[in-house]
């Protein structure tokens, strides 16, 4: 893809822009800042909550639209939600009533809240002190509040595959079901995904999809990588995603700042941001 045609760069977070410690390297921060200084739009597209992603945007030090909850919520550069999709309360109740095996945890995203009924340690390594965190509650007291996303987590992927199959069978006409990672099963309103959200969001900049590049590693990045002008797969991407996108270019791994390195290569930023900035 001709660099002069690229007007926007979109990146997933975990397994993509964030390193193996789920944090931003100083090199990645420097590269994204240099990219923004050149007038290129930078956007985040993640399964994470918008409050969570906004803290990461602050650390990047750039203005960026946030496509969050896999496209169920979109926030503008000021942090204001400009789009929210919600699952019908009756469907939310049915899905939460599913009997799951021990070690499987249920989560909700509702507005500014990440909600759980019991603490889950799966994401402990993903967050630092002071980061956005979940709130414990009783789900039956929250059913009538708009739910943007439901997700189930488990260290054992096999425990989630049966849940995914059941939800697709019973409510596949009303929800989208995907895996952001083997340990996380995600459920959004029908028609909601990162790709659909991107196509709507770029209208704010009067640019077309073929002027956009994107980076991702999970199955929830599939539609995003398909709708843009060029989608890059991480070297550490889910094998099933690689199989679904056999003709997409594969770059390095998130642990090696592969997204930042590819941006530097595409935009000729080697002199402005030498790789020693990562040390």
Protein backbone atom coordinates (compact mmCIF):
# COMPACT_ATOMS: atom_id res chain seq x y z
CA UNK A 1 0.00 0.00 0.00
CA UNK A 2 1.36 3.41 -0.97
CA UNK A 3 2.28 5.33 2.19
CA UNK A 4 1.01 8.60 0.72
CA UNK A 5 -2.51 7.14 0.59
CA UNK A 6 -2.63 6.22 4.28
CA UNK A 7 -4.69 8.71 6.26
CA UNK A 8 -5.50 6.64 9.35
CA UNK A 9 -3.82 3.90 11.39
CA UNK A 10 -5.92 1.70 13.68
CA UNK A 11 -4.53 -0.69 16.26
CA UNK A 12 -5.84 -3.30 18.63
CA UNK A 13 -4.29 -3.21 22.12
CA UNK A 14 -3.63 -6.55 23.85
CA UNK A 15 -1.36 -8.76 21.80
CA UNK A 16 -0.84 -5.93 19.32
CA UNK A 17 0.16 -2.41 20.38
CA UNK A 18 0.70 -3.39 24.03
CA UNK A 19 3.75 -5.48 24.84
CA UNK A 20 3.86 -8.85 26.61
CA UNK A 21 3.45 -7.03 29.96
CA UNK A 22 0.23 -5.43 28.60
CA UNK A 23 1.81 -1.99 28.77
CA UNK A 24 3.00 0.60 26.25
CA UNK A 25 6.73 0.70 25.58
CA UNK A 26 8.38 4.11 25.41
CA UNK A 27 9.24 3.32 21.79
CA UNK A 28 5.60 2.71 20.87
CA UNK A 29 4.57 5.93 22.58
CA UNK A 30 7.21 7.87 20.64
CA UNK A 31 6.19 6.34 17.32
CA UNK A 32 2.47 6.99 17.75
CA UNK A 33 3.23 10.58 18.77
CA UNK A 34 5.45 11.07 15.71
CA UNK A 35 2.74 9.60 13.49
CA UNK A 36 0.11 11.93 14.95
CA UNK A 37 2.44 14.91 14.49
CA UNK A 38 2.47 14.10 10.77
CA UNK A 39 -1.29 14.57 10.63
CA UNK A 40 -2.17 10.88 10.38
CA UNK A 41 -5.27 9.88 12.34
CA UNK A 42 -4.55 7.24 14.98
CA UNK A 43 -7.36 5.17 16.46
CA UNK A 44 -7.61 2.39 19.01
CA UNK A 45 -9.94 -0.56 18.35
CA UNK A 46 -10.17 -2.93 21.28
CA UNK A 47 -12.38 -5.30 23.19
CA UNK A 48 -11.53 -3.35 26.34
CA UNK A 49 -13.89 -0.90 28.05
CA UNK A 50 -13.84 2.72 26.86
CA UNK A 51 -12.83 3.97 30.31
CA UNK A 52 -9.91 1.55 30.23
CA UNK A 53 -8.87 2.49 26.69
CA UNK A 54 -9.06 6.19 27.53
CA UNK A 55 -6.34 5.72 30.17
CA UNK A 56 -4.13 4.07 27.55
CA UNK A 57 -4.81 6.95 25.18
CA UNK A 58 -3.68 9.36 27.90
CA UNK A 59 -0.41 7.45 28.20
CA UNK A 60 0.07 7.71 24.43
CA UNK A 61 -0.36 11.46 24.67
CA UNK A 62 -2.34 11.78 21.42
CA UNK A 63 -5.89 12.60 20.43
CA UNK A 64 -7.60 9.47 19.18
CA UNK A 65 -11.03 8.05 18.61
CA UNK A 66 -11.68 4.92 20.69
CA UNK A 67 -13.55 1.96 19.24
CA UNK A 68 -14.16 -0.18 22.31
CA UNK A 69 -16.09 -3.23 23.51
CA UNK A 70 -15.41 -4.67 20.02
CA UNK A 71 -17.34 -1.83 18.40
CA UNK A 72 -20.27 -1.64 20.83
CA UNK A 73 -19.03 1.76 22.05
CA UNK A 74 -17.20 4.57 20.27
CA UNK A 75 -15.72 7.65 21.95
CA UNK A 76 -14.46 10.80 20.24
CA UNK A 77 -11.19 12.60 20.90
CA UNK A 78 -12.73 14.37 23.91
CA UNK A 79 -13.66 11.03 25.45
CA UNK A 80 -17.39 11.51 24.82
CA UNK A 81 -19.34 8.43 23.80
CA UNK A 82 -20.81 9.08 20.37
CA UNK A 83 -22.17 5.57 19.85
CA UNK A 84 -23.48 2.81 22.09
CA UNK A 85 -25.10 -0.47 21.09
CA UNK A 86 -26.99 -2.56 23.62
CA UNK A 87 -28.20 -6.13 23.93
CA UNK A 88 -31.89 -6.55 24.80
CA UNK A 89 -32.38 -7.06 28.57
CA UNK A 90 -34.25 -10.33 27.99
CA UNK A 91 -31.31 -11.71 26.01
CA UNK A 92 -28.84 -10.50 28.63
CA UNK A 93 -30.82 -12.33 31.32
CA UNK A 94 -30.97 -15.54 29.29
CA UNK A 95 -27.22 -15.50 28.65
CA UNK A 96 -26.36 -14.74 32.28
CA UNK A 97 -28.63 -17.60 33.38
CA UNK A 98 -26.48 -20.13 31.49
CA UNK A 99 -24.99 -22.69 33.86
CA UNK A 100 -21.21 -22.69 33.49
CA UNK A 101 -18.43 -24.90 34.78
CA UNK A 102 -16.32 -23.99 37.78
CA UNK A 103 -13.62 -21.53 36.76
CA UNK A 104 -15.81 -19.69 34.25
CA UNK A 105 -16.64 -16.08 35.12
CA UNK A 106 -19.32 -13.75 33.76
CA UNK A 107 -18.76 -10.05 33.03
CA UNK A 108 -20.82 -7.11 31.80
CA UNK A 109 -19.96 -3.76 30.24
CA UNK A 110 -22.69 -1.23 31.00
CA UNK A 111 -21.98 2.43 30.23
CA UNK A 112 -19.04 3.51 32.36
CA UNK A 113 -19.00 0.27 34.36
CA UNK A 114 -17.31 -3.14 34.13
CA UNK A 115 -19.36 -5.46 36.34
CA UNK A 116 -18.81 -8.88 37.89
CA UNK A 117 -20.56 -10.94 40.55
CA UNK A 118 -17.36 -12.56 41.81
CA UNK A 119 -13.70 -11.66 41.44
CA UNK A 120 -11.77 -13.17 38.55
CA UNK A 121 -7.96 -13.26 38.56
CA UNK A 122 -7.53 -13.89 34.83
CA UNK A 123 -6.88 -10.24 34.00
CA UNK A 124 -4.71 -9.42 37.02
CA UNK A 125 -1.59 -9.17 34.85
CA UNK A 126 -3.32 -6.85 32.39
CA UNK A 127 -3.79 -3.96 34.78
CA UNK A 128 -1.51 -1.79 36.86
CA UNK A 129 -2.35 0.00 40.09
CA UNK A 130 -4.70 2.88 39.35
CA UNK A 131 -5.99 1.38 36.09
CA UNK A 132 -9.67 0.90 35.34
CA UNK A 133 -11.13 -2.00 37.34
CA UNK A 134 -14.34 -3.98 37.63
CA UNK A 135 -17.07 -3.41 40.22
CA UNK A 136 -18.74 -6.27 42.08
CA UNK A 137 -22.53 -6.32 41.95
CA UNK A 138 -25.60 -8.53 41.62
CA UNK A 139 -26.44 -8.97 37.97
CA UNK A 140 -30.17 -9.35 38.67
CA UNK A 141 -30.16 -5.77 39.93
CA UNK A 142 -28.57 -4.50 36.69
CA UNK A 143 -30.52 -6.31 33.97
CA UNK A 144 -32.57 -3.26 32.97
CA UNK A 145 -29.48 -1.10 32.47
CA UNK A 146 -28.20 -1.02 28.85
CA UNK A 147 -25.58 -3.75 28.36
CA UNK A 148 -22.98 -3.08 25.67
CA UNK A 149 -21.12 -6.36 25.98
CA UNK A 150 -21.21 -9.63 27.91
CA UNK A 151 -18.10 -11.74 28.24
CA UNK A 152 -17.11 -15.00 29.82
CA UNK A 153 -13.57 -15.74 30.97
CA UNK A 154 -11.80 -18.98 31.85
CA UNK A 155 -8.24 -20.22 31.88
CA UNK A 156 -9.43 -23.39 30.13
CA UNK A 157 -10.56 -22.49 26.59
CA UNK A 158 -12.56 -25.71 26.25
CA UNK A 159 -14.89 -24.55 29.02
CA UNK A 160 -15.83 -21.55 26.87
CA UNK A 161 -16.37 -23.30 23.55
CA UNK A 162 -19.51 -25.07 24.79
CA UNK A 163 -20.86 -21.75 26.11
CA UNK A 164 -20.17 -20.11 22.74
CA UNK A 165 -21.96 -22.91 20.88
CA UNK A 166 -25.00 -22.67 23.14
CA UNK A 167 -25.27 -18.88 22.78
CA UNK A 168 -24.94 -19.09 19.01
CA UNK A 169 -27.66 -21.75 18.90
CA UNK A 170 -30.13 -19.97 21.16
CA UNK A 171 -29.46 -16.29 20.43
CA UNK A 172 -27.38 -16.20 17.26
CA UNK A 173 -30.00 -14.03 15.59
CA UNK A 174 -29.55 -11.29 18.20
CA UNK A 175 -25.88 -11.34 19.20
CA UNK A 176 -22.39 -11.64 17.79
CA UNK A 177 -20.11 -14.23 19.42
CA UNK A 178 -16.32 -14.15 19.15
CA UNK A 179 -13.10 -14.77 21.06
CA UNK A 180 -10.74 -11.87 21.72
CA UNK A 181 -8.31 -14.45 23.11
CA UNK A 182 -8.70 -18.13 24.02
CA UNK A 183 -9.51 -17.14 27.61
CA UNK A 184 -12.19 -14.59 26.72
CA UNK A 185 -15.53 -15.23 24.98
CA UNK A 186 -17.24 -12.00 23.90
CA UNK A 187 -20.91 -11.31 23.10
CA UNK A 188 -22.10 -8.09 21.45
CA UNK A 189 -25.36 -6.95 19.81
CA UNK A 190 -25.96 -8.38 16.34
CA UNK A 191 -24.03 -6.56 13.63
CA UNK A 192 -21.56 -5.06 16.10
CA UNK A 193 -17.87 -5.64 15.47
CA UNK A 194 -14.72 -3.57 15.06
CA UNK A 195 -15.02 -3.50 11.27
CA UNK A 196 -18.55 -2.08 11.25
CA UNK A 197 -17.57 0.52 13.86
CA UNK A 198 -14.53 1.58 11.83
CA UNK A 199 -16.59 2.14 8.68
CA UNK A 200 -18.89 4.48 10.62
CA UNK A 201 -16.12 6.22 12.59
CA UNK A 202 -13.95 7.16 9.61
CA UNK A 203 -16.89 9.11 8.19
CA UNK A 204 -16.02 11.75 10.81
CA UNK A 205 -12.73 12.31 8.96
CA UNK A 206 -14.11 12.11 5.42
CA UNK A 207 -11.76 9.28 4.50
CA UNK A 208 -12.44 5.94 2.86
CA UNK A 209 -11.62 2.46 4.14
CA UNK A 210 -8.95 1.94 1.51
CA UNK A 211 -7.01 4.84 3.05
CA UNK A 212 -6.80 3.02 6.39
CA UNK A 213 -4.43 0.37 7.74
CA UNK A 214 -5.02 -1.75 10.83
CA UNK A 215 -3.16 -4.14 13.12
CA UNK A 216 -4.66 -7.04 15.07
CA UNK A 217 -4.07 -10.46 16.58
CA UNK A 218 -7.39 -11.92 17.76
CA UNK A 219 -10.50 -13.38 16.18
CA UNK A 220 -12.35 -10.23 17.23
CA UNK A 221 -10.07 -8.35 14.81
CA UNK A 222 -11.26 -10.34 11.78
CA UNK A 223 -13.78 -7.85 10.38
CA UNK A 224 -11.48 -4.90 11.10
CA UNK A 225 -8.63 -6.43 9.13
CA UNK A 226 -10.98 -7.26 6.26
CA UNK A 227 -12.63 -3.85 5.77
CA UNK A 228 -9.52 -1.61 5.75
CA UNK A 229 -7.19 -0.94 2.84
CA UNK A 230 -4.54 -3.16 4.39
CA UNK A 231 -4.69 -5.23 7.52
CA UNK A 232 -1.57 -6.53 9.24
CA UNK A 233 -1.51 -9.71 11.31
CA UNK A 234 0.75 -9.97 14.33
CA UNK A 235 3.27 -12.79 14.40
CA UNK A 236 1.67 -13.85 17.68
CA UNK A 237 -1.85 -13.77 16.20
CA UNK A 238 -4.37 -16.51 16.89
CA UNK A 239 -3.73 -19.40 14.49
CA UNK A 240 -7.41 -19.46 13.52
CA UNK A 241 -7.21 -15.79 12.52
CA UNK A 242 -4.18 -16.53 10.35
CA UNK A 243 -6.10 -19.37 8.70
CA UNK A 244 -9.07 -17.09 8.00
CA UNK A 245 -6.80 -14.40 6.49
CA UNK A 246 -4.19 -16.41 4.58
CA UNK A 247 -3.26 -13.53 2.26
CA UNK A 248 -2.72 -10.91 4.95
CA UNK A 249 0.83 -9.80 5.69
CA UNK A 250 2.25 -11.06 8.97
CA UNK A 251 4.63 -8.77 10.87
CA UNK A 252 6.58 -9.34 14.09
CA UNK A 253 5.29 -9.94 17.60
CA UNK A 254 3.85 -7.48 20.09
CA UNK A 255 6.69 -8.25 22.51
CA UNK A 256 9.07 -6.75 19.93
CA UNK A 257 7.10 -3.53 19.26
CA UNK A 258 6.15 -4.84 15.82
CA UNK A 259 3.31 -2.33 15.30
CA UNK A 260 5.56 0.63 16.05
CA UNK A 261 8.35 -0.78 13.87
CA UNK A 262 5.96 -1.27 10.95
CA UNK A 263 4.66 2.30 11.31
CA UNK A 264 8.23 3.60 11.31
CA UNK A 265 8.97 1.60 8.17
CA UNK A 266 5.83 2.74 6.35
CA UNK A 267 6.19 6.42 7.17
CA UNK A 268 9.97 6.76 7.10
CA UNK A 269 10.27 7.73 10.76
CA UNK A 270 13.61 6.03 11.42
CA UNK A 271 15.47 9.27 12.05
CA UNK A 272 12.73 10.79 14.19
CA UNK A 273 12.24 7.69 16.34
CA UNK A 274 15.32 5.46 16.39
CA UNK A 275 14.68 2.04 17.90
CA UNK A 276 17.07 2.70 20.78
CA UNK A 277 14.15 4.64 22.29
CA UNK A 278 12.82 1.24 23.38
CA UNK A 279 15.80 0.60 25.66
